[in-house]
Amino acid sequence: MAMAHGKRVRLDDVARLAGVSRSTASRVINGHPNVRPETRHKVLEAIRKLGYHPNTLAQGLSRRRTRIIGLLVAMPARRLASDQFYPLFLQGAAQAANRRGYRLMLGLFEEPAEQEAMYVDVVRGGYLDGLVVVSVPRGDPLIPMLLEEEVPFVLVGRDPDWDTPYVEGDNYRGGYMATEHLLRLGYRRIGTITGPLKLWAATERLRGYQDAHRDAGLEPDPGFIVEADFTEIGGMAAMRKLLEAGPEAVFVQSDTMAAGALRAVKAAGLKVPDDIALVGYDDAPLAELLEPPLTTVHQPIHMMGYTAVEMLIEHVERPKPRTQGVILPVKLVVRRSCGALPQP
């Protein structure tokens, strides 16, 4: 689409200048034969005057379906190899796509400088029916771009600034549940390692942690809250910082970060759970393999991927889809790292 006086030219602008309906303008652009010559001339003249260029994706959708959907992860590709969330999510997404006769295309970038260029290529390439978008931080330019280009999409993790389709685990409940469990075990100096707080999931888990304290008559200590980046190295660095404050227990917002936190505890000559109790988040396969095995909040990662793709296909195939947002339940899985179970 062209820009006119700093504003993006849309199909509605063409229809308004030509004095026709939006659907008539669309038929002209898509070469529909059942349009009167004088009407076609008006629309083509409006296109010329405005410098309008049709959205190639929208054209493709009006003529045919590609039956290809994109899965766009809004973080550097190297992060995927270190976080067990993504393989489980991808399995669920692929299963749903295959069952419905669609194919997945994975969109990744290596460096932040490549991010916006990739967005433009994916959004305006014309070869996708829609997108599932994972890990988009608040303020990212992708969401307004998708809305502007009228591309069907589903977010994995809400962005409260936009009224868009989404699927997520119950992050607030998970954060509350993990902290409440530690409080019930008698811990009072409870720290937390959050994910990036520009992500809605991380802020909701933190809010659950804070509210669990307040409901127990305690005010959460800001000195016990350390932000990290969902990586093992980030979890290790955050735990080193927390150890200076002397927590009795720590709620870590991902199992990957909890693995790093456990390493930091052991490197400091301390033991889990004897000196510090740990609770993670995700219930990824590594949680059971750690020593001691990790108490964690289970979220249905496979189902999140499956549901996101099912929801996207519904939005692609239905003019007025039924679903707008889905929050999947979470549950606490108790193992030895929190001190609730006896050591062998």
Protein backbone atom coordinates (compact mmCIF):
# COMPACT_ATOMS: atom_id res chain seq x y z
CA MET A 1 0.00 0.00 0.00
CA ALA A 2 1.17 3.52 -0.77
CA MET A 3 1.40 6.43 1.62
CA ALA A 4 -0.58 9.63 0.99
CA HIS A 5 0.30 12.71 3.02
CA GLY A 6 1.96 10.49 5.64
CA LYS A 7 -1.08 8.18 5.85
CA ARG A 8 -1.25 4.65 4.49
CA VAL A 9 -3.67 4.38 1.57
CA ARG A 10 -6.29 1.68 2.15
CA LEU A 11 -8.93 0.04 0.01
CA ASP A 12 -11.58 2.14 1.80
CA ASP A 13 -9.85 5.29 0.54
CA VAL A 14 -10.01 4.03 -3.04
CA ALA A 15 -13.71 3.15 -2.70
CA ARG A 16 -14.52 6.54 -1.19
CA LEU A 17 -12.78 8.49 -3.97
CA ALA A 18 -14.38 6.35 -6.68
CA GLY A 19 -17.82 6.67 -5.10
CA VAL A 20 -18.34 2.91 -4.87
CA SER A 21 -18.60 0.32 -2.12
CA ARG A 22 -15.53 -1.36 -0.68
CA SER A 23 -16.64 -4.71 -2.13
CA THR A 24 -16.96 -3.19 -5.61
CA ALA A 25 -13.47 -1.71 -5.37
CA SER A 26 -12.18 -5.10 -4.24
CA ARG A 27 -13.83 -6.82 -7.25
CA VAL A 28 -12.11 -4.40 -9.63
CA ILE A 29 -8.71 -4.94 -8.01
CA ASN A 30 -9.14 -8.71 -8.12
CA GLY A 31 -10.20 -8.70 -11.80
CA HIS A 32 -13.80 -9.77 -11.26
CA PRO A 33 -15.67 -9.74 -14.62
CA ASN A 34 -19.05 -8.62 -13.26
CA VAL A 35 -18.24 -4.91 -12.97
CA ARG A 36 -19.56 -2.22 -15.32
CA PRO A 37 -16.86 -0.58 -17.46
CA GLU A 38 -17.57 2.92 -16.15
CA THR A 39 -17.33 1.68 -12.55
CA ARG A 40 -14.09 -0.13 -13.30
CA HIS A 41 -12.70 3.08 -14.84
CA LYS A 42 -13.59 5.12 -11.70
CA VAL A 43 -11.88 2.63 -9.41
CA LEU A 44 -8.77 2.39 -11.57
CA GLU A 45 -8.57 6.18 -11.75
CA ALA A 46 -8.84 6.41 -7.95
CA ILE A 47 -6.07 3.83 -7.61
CA ARG A 48 -3.87 5.88 -9.94
CA LYS A 49 -4.53 9.17 -8.13
CA LEU A 50 -3.94 7.72 -4.67
CA GLY A 51 -0.99 5.55 -5.64
CA TYR A 52 -2.67 2.55 -4.03
CA HIS A 53 -0.88 -0.81 -4.08
CA PRO A 54 -3.01 -3.80 -3.05
CA ASN A 55 -1.97 -5.94 -0.10
CA THR A 56 -0.61 -9.11 -1.75
CA LEU A 57 -1.64 -11.21 1.23
CA ALA A 58 -5.20 -9.90 1.10
CA GLN A 59 -5.36 -10.58 -2.63
CA GLY A 60 -4.15 -14.11 -2.12
CA LEU A 61 -6.81 -14.68 0.53
CA SER A 62 -9.57 -13.36 -1.74
CA ARG A 63 -8.59 -15.67 -4.60
CA ARG A 64 -7.36 -18.81 -2.87
CA ARG A 65 -5.93 -20.22 0.30
CA THR A 66 -2.28 -21.13 0.44
CA ARG A 67 -2.96 -23.47 3.39
CA ILE A 68 0.32 -22.29 4.87
CA ILE A 69 0.35 -20.59 8.25
CA GLY A 70 3.31 -18.86 9.83
CA LEU A 71 4.60 -19.39 13.32
CA LEU A 72 6.60 -16.31 14.23
CA VAL A 73 8.76 -16.29 17.37
CA ALA A 74 9.61 -12.70 18.27
CA MET A 75 13.02 -13.44 19.78
CA PRO A 76 16.46 -14.44 18.47
CA ALA A 77 16.67 -18.00 17.14
CA ARG A 78 19.43 -18.96 19.58
CA ARG A 79 16.93 -18.72 22.43
CA LEU A 80 14.86 -21.59 21.05
CA ALA A 81 17.65 -24.12 21.51
CA SER A 82 17.98 -23.30 25.21
CA ASP A 83 14.30 -23.28 26.27
CA GLN A 84 12.24 -26.47 26.35
CA PHE A 85 9.01 -24.49 26.05
CA TYR A 86 9.37 -24.08 22.30
CA PRO A 87 9.83 -27.73 21.17
CA LEU A 88 6.70 -28.71 23.12
CA PHE A 89 4.76 -25.76 21.71
CA LEU A 90 5.88 -26.55 18.15
CA GLN A 91 4.79 -30.17 18.49
CA GLY A 92 1.27 -29.09 19.42
CA ALA A 93 1.13 -26.48 16.66
CA ALA A 94 2.32 -28.94 14.01
CA GLN A 95 -0.18 -31.56 15.14
CA ALA A 96 -3.10 -29.15 14.80
CA ALA A 97 -1.90 -27.85 11.42
CA ASN A 98 -1.42 -31.35 10.00
CA ARG A 99 -4.83 -32.48 11.23
CA ARG A 100 -6.49 -29.58 9.37
CA GLY A 101 -4.44 -29.96 6.20
CA TYR A 102 -2.25 -26.88 6.73
CA ARG A 103 1.53 -26.52 6.80
CA LEU A 104 3.61 -24.48 9.22
CA MET A 105 6.35 -22.04 8.26
CA LEU A 106 8.63 -20.99 11.11
CA GLY A 107 9.86 -17.38 11.14
CA LEU A 108 13.01 -16.58 13.15
CA PHE A 109 15.75 -13.97 13.22
CA GLU A 110 19.29 -13.99 14.59
CA GLU A 111 19.95 -10.38 15.57
CA PRO A 112 17.55 -7.63 16.71
CA ALA A 113 18.49 -5.53 13.67
CA GLU A 114 16.97 -8.24 11.43
CA GLN A 115 13.67 -8.29 13.29
CA GLU A 116 11.73 -5.55 11.52
CA ALA A 117 12.90 -6.66 8.06
CA MET A 118 11.67 -10.15 8.83
CA TYR A 119 8.33 -8.75 9.98
CA VAL A 120 7.84 -6.95 6.67
CA ASP A 121 8.79 -10.03 4.64
CA VAL A 122 6.50 -12.34 6.59
CA VAL A 123 3.53 -10.00 6.87
CA ARG A 124 3.53 -8.72 3.28
CA GLY A 125 4.99 -11.73 1.48
CA GLY A 126 1.62 -12.96 0.24
CA TYR A 127 2.24 -16.66 0.89
CA LEU A 128 0.59 -17.13 4.30
CA ASP A 129 -3.03 -17.50 5.33
CA GLY A 130 -2.25 -16.12 8.79
CA LEU A 131 0.17 -16.09 11.71
CA VAL A 132 0.59 -17.51 15.19
CA VAL A 133 2.85 -15.06 17.05
CA VAL A 134 4.80 -16.07 20.15
CA SER A 135 6.63 -13.95 22.76
CA VAL A 136 5.80 -10.48 21.43
CA PRO A 137 6.78 -7.83 24.00
CA ARG A 138 4.55 -4.86 24.69
CA GLY A 139 5.25 -1.99 22.32
CA ASP A 140 6.56 -4.24 19.56
CA PRO A 141 5.72 -2.89 16.06
CA LEU A 142 4.45 -6.24 14.79
CA ILE A 143 0.91 -6.11 16.19
CA PRO A 144 -0.06 -2.72 14.70
CA MET A 145 1.50 -3.86 11.43
CA LEU A 146 -0.63 -7.01 11.37
CA LEU A 147 -3.77 -5.02 12.18
CA GLU A 148 -2.98 -2.43 9.51
CA GLU A 149 -2.42 -5.13 6.88
CA GLU A 150 -5.55 -7.04 8.03
CA VAL A 151 -3.63 -10.28 8.46
CA PRO A 152 -5.38 -13.00 10.52
CA PHE A 153 -3.27 -13.74 13.59
CA VAL A 154 -3.36 -15.25 17.07
CA LEU A 155 -1.05 -14.20 19.90
CA VAL A 156 0.44 -16.67 22.33
CA GLY A 157 0.33 -14.51 25.43
CA ARG A 158 -1.97 -11.52 25.65
CA ASP A 159 -1.04 -7.95 24.95
CA PRO A 160 -3.58 -5.91 26.96
CA ASP A 161 -2.97 -2.87 24.75
CA TRP A 162 -4.72 -4.59 21.82
CA ASP A 163 -8.05 -6.40 21.48
CA THR A 164 -6.76 -9.39 19.52
CA PRO A 165 -7.21 -13.19 19.55
CA TYR A 166 -4.89 -14.93 22.02
CA VAL A 167 -4.18 -18.14 23.88
CA GLU A 168 -2.15 -18.44 27.08
CA GLY A 169 -1.78 -20.39 30.29
CA ASP A 170 -3.26 -18.89 33.45
CA ASN A 171 -0.12 -16.95 34.36
CA TYR A 172 -1.60 -15.07 37.29
CA ARG A 173 -2.96 -18.26 38.86
CA GLY A 174 0.36 -20.01 38.31
CA GLY A 175 2.36 -17.28 40.05
CA TYR A 176 -0.12 -17.18 42.91
CA MET A 177 -0.19 -20.96 43.28
CA ALA A 178 3.61 -21.32 43.38
CA THR A 179 4.01 -18.59 46.01
CA GLU A 180 1.07 -19.76 48.11
CA HIS A 181 2.59 -23.26 48.22
CA LEU A 182 5.87 -21.89 49.58
CA LEU A 183 4.02 -19.77 52.14
CA ARG A 184 2.06 -22.79 53.33
CA LEU A 185 5.33 -24.65 53.84
CA GLY A 186 6.32 -21.92 56.30
CA TYR A 187 8.71 -19.86 54.15
CA ARG A 188 8.47 -16.10 54.59
CA ARG A 189 11.56 -14.71 52.85
CA ILE A 190 10.47 -15.72 49.34
CA GLY A 191 12.25 -14.29 46.30
CA THR A 192 11.27 -14.51 42.67
CA ILE A 193 13.15 -14.51 39.37
CA THR A 194 10.88 -13.07 36.71
CA GLY A 195 11.01 -13.26 32.95
CA PRO A 196 11.30 -10.00 30.94
CA LEU A 197 8.65 -7.72 32.41
CA LYS A 198 7.82 -6.34 28.96
CA LEU A 199 6.07 -9.70 28.44
CA TRP A 200 2.53 -9.97 29.80
CA ALA A 201 3.14 -13.53 31.05
CA ALA A 202 5.98 -12.36 33.28
CA THR A 203 4.05 -9.42 34.72
CA GLU A 204 1.04 -11.64 35.47
CA ARG A 205 3.17 -14.28 37.23
CA LEU A 206 4.77 -11.50 39.25
CA ARG A 207 1.33 -10.11 40.15
CA GLY A 208 0.30 -13.57 41.36
CA TYR A 209 3.44 -13.75 43.51
CA GLN A 210 2.72 -10.33 45.01
CA ASP A 211 -0.97 -11.00 45.68
CA ALA A 212 -0.23 -14.33 47.38
CA HIS A 213 2.01 -12.44 49.81
CA ARG A 214 -0.60 -9.77 50.49
CA ASP A 215 -3.35 -12.34 51.01
CA ALA A 216 -1.08 -13.92 53.64
CA GLY A 217 -0.70 -10.57 55.38
CA LEU A 218 2.80 -9.91 54.03
CA GLU A 219 4.13 -7.12 51.84
CA PRO A 220 6.42 -8.44 49.08
CA ASP A 221 9.96 -7.10 49.37
CA PRO A 222 11.14 -5.39 46.13
CA GLY A 223 14.66 -6.51 47.01
CA PHE A 224 13.54 -10.12 46.54
CA ILE A 225 12.37 -9.50 42.94
CA VAL A 226 14.99 -9.91 40.19
CA GLU A 227 14.21 -9.68 36.46
CA ALA A 228 15.91 -12.10 34.06
CA ASP A 229 15.44 -13.28 30.49
CA PHE A 230 14.04 -16.86 30.54
CA THR A 231 17.52 -18.34 29.86
CA GLU A 232 19.57 -20.64 32.08
CA ILE A 233 22.44 -18.13 32.20
CA GLY A 234 19.99 -15.39 33.13
CA GLY A 235 18.55 -17.56 35.90
CA MET A 236 22.03 -18.23 37.26
CA ALA A 237 22.95 -14.53 37.33
CA ALA A 238 19.63 -13.58 38.95
CA MET A 239 20.03 -16.22 41.67
CA ARG A 240 23.53 -14.97 42.48
CA LYS A 241 22.02 -11.53 43.03
CA LEU A 242 19.17 -12.93 45.13
CA LEU A 243 21.53 -14.90 47.34
CA GLU A 244 22.89 -11.59 48.62
CA ALA A 245 19.42 -10.84 50.05
CA GLY A 246 19.27 -14.21 51.81
CA PRO A 247 15.95 -15.76 50.67
CA GLU A 248 14.58 -18.95 52.20
CA ALA A 249 12.80 -19.90 48.98
CA VAL A 250 12.64 -18.70 45.37
CA PHE A 251 9.86 -18.91 42.79
CA VAL A 252 11.48 -18.95 39.33
CA GLN A 253 9.28 -18.09 36.34
CA SER A 254 10.60 -20.85 34.07
CA ASP A 255 12.19 -24.27 34.53
CA THR A 256 15.04 -23.24 32.24
CA MET A 257 15.90 -20.34 34.56
CA ALA A 258 15.39 -22.61 37.57
CA ALA A 259 18.09 -24.95 36.24
CA GLY A 260 20.49 -21.98 36.20
CA ALA A 261 19.34 -20.90 39.65
CA LEU A 262 20.02 -24.40 40.99
CA ARG A 263 23.55 -24.27 39.59
CA ALA A 264 24.13 -20.91 41.30
CA VAL A 265 22.91 -22.28 44.63
CA LYS A 266 25.22 -25.29 44.40
CA ALA A 267 28.15 -23.10 43.33
CA ALA A 268 27.61 -21.04 46.49
CA GLY A 269 28.01 -24.20 48.61
CA LEU A 270 24.30 -24.36 49.47
CA LYS A 271 21.75 -27.11 49.04
CA VAL A 272 18.23 -27.25 47.63
CA PRO A 273 15.90 -27.55 49.52
CA ASP A 274 17.88 -27.68 52.79
CA ASP A 275 19.13 -24.09 52.50
CA ILE A 276 16.89 -22.67 49.77
CA ALA A 277 13.64 -24.09 48.37
CA LEU A 278 12.94 -23.74 44.62
CA VAL A 279 9.76 -23.74 42.55
CA GLY A 280 9.86 -23.42 38.76
CA TYR A 281 7.34 -22.87 35.98
CA ASP A 282 6.37 -24.85 32.84
CA ASP A 283 6.89 -28.48 33.97
CA ALA A 284 9.30 -28.98 31.06
CA PRO A 285 10.95 -32.42 30.70
CA LEU A 286 14.13 -31.21 32.43
CA ALA A 287 12.19 -30.49 35.66
CA GLU A 288 12.12 -34.16 36.64
CA LEU A 289 15.76 -34.68 35.62
CA LEU A 290 17.24 -32.00 37.87
CA GLU A 291 18.72 -32.96 41.24
CA PRO A 292 16.69 -32.54 43.28
CA PRO A 293 13.67 -32.87 40.95
CA LEU A 294 11.95 -29.52 40.53
CA THR A 295 8.60 -28.57 42.00
CA THR A 296 6.99 -26.54 39.23
CA VAL A 297 3.80 -25.08 37.81
CA HIS A 298 2.60 -27.24 34.94
CA GLN A 299 1.18 -25.33 32.01
CA PRO A 300 -0.18 -27.30 29.02
CA ILE A 301 2.44 -26.14 26.52
CA HIS A 302 1.58 -28.72 23.86
CA MET A 303 -2.11 -27.77 24.12
CA MET A 304 -1.22 -24.07 23.86
CA GLY A 305 0.41 -24.72 20.48
CA TYR A 306 -2.47 -26.89 19.33
CA THR A 307 -5.12 -24.40 20.46
CA ALA A 308 -3.35 -21.40 18.91
CA VAL A 309 -3.26 -23.06 15.47
CA GLU A 310 -6.88 -24.28 15.76
CA MET A 311 -7.95 -20.76 16.69
CA LEU A 312 -6.00 -19.22 13.80
CA ILE A 313 -7.55 -21.60 11.27
CA GLU A 314 -10.99 -20.71 12.62
CA HIS A 315 -10.18 -17.02 12.11
CA VAL A 316 -8.95 -17.72 8.58
CA GLU A 317 -11.94 -19.82 7.53
CA ARG A 318 -14.81 -18.06 9.34
CA PRO A 319 -15.85 -14.48 8.52
CA LYS A 320 -16.93 -14.04 12.16
CA PRO A 321 -14.93 -16.48 14.31
CA ARG A 322 -16.37 -17.54 17.65
CA THR A 323 -13.26 -17.40 19.82
CA GLN A 324 -11.29 -14.32 20.83
CA GLY A 325 -9.24 -15.43 23.84
CA VAL A 326 -8.50 -18.70 25.62
CA ILE A 327 -6.82 -19.07 29.02
CA LEU A 328 -5.75 -22.65 29.75
CA PRO A 329 -5.58 -23.95 33.34
CA VAL A 330 -2.33 -24.64 35.19
CA LYS A 331 -1.53 -26.89 38.16
CA LEU A 332 1.21 -27.32 40.73
CA VAL A 333 3.44 -30.41 40.48
CA VAL A 334 5.17 -31.05 43.80
CA ARG A 335 8.62 -32.65 43.78
CA ARG A 336 11.56 -32.49 46.20
CA SER A 337 13.04 -29.04 45.44
CA CYS A 338 10.49 -27.17 47.60
CA GLY A 339 11.08 -29.26 50.73
CA ALA A 340 7.55 -30.66 50.85
CA LEU A 341 8.68 -34.22 50.10
CA PRO A 342 11.25 -36.17 52.12
CA GLN A 343 14.73 -36.54 50.69
CA PRO A 344 15.70 -40.08 49.63
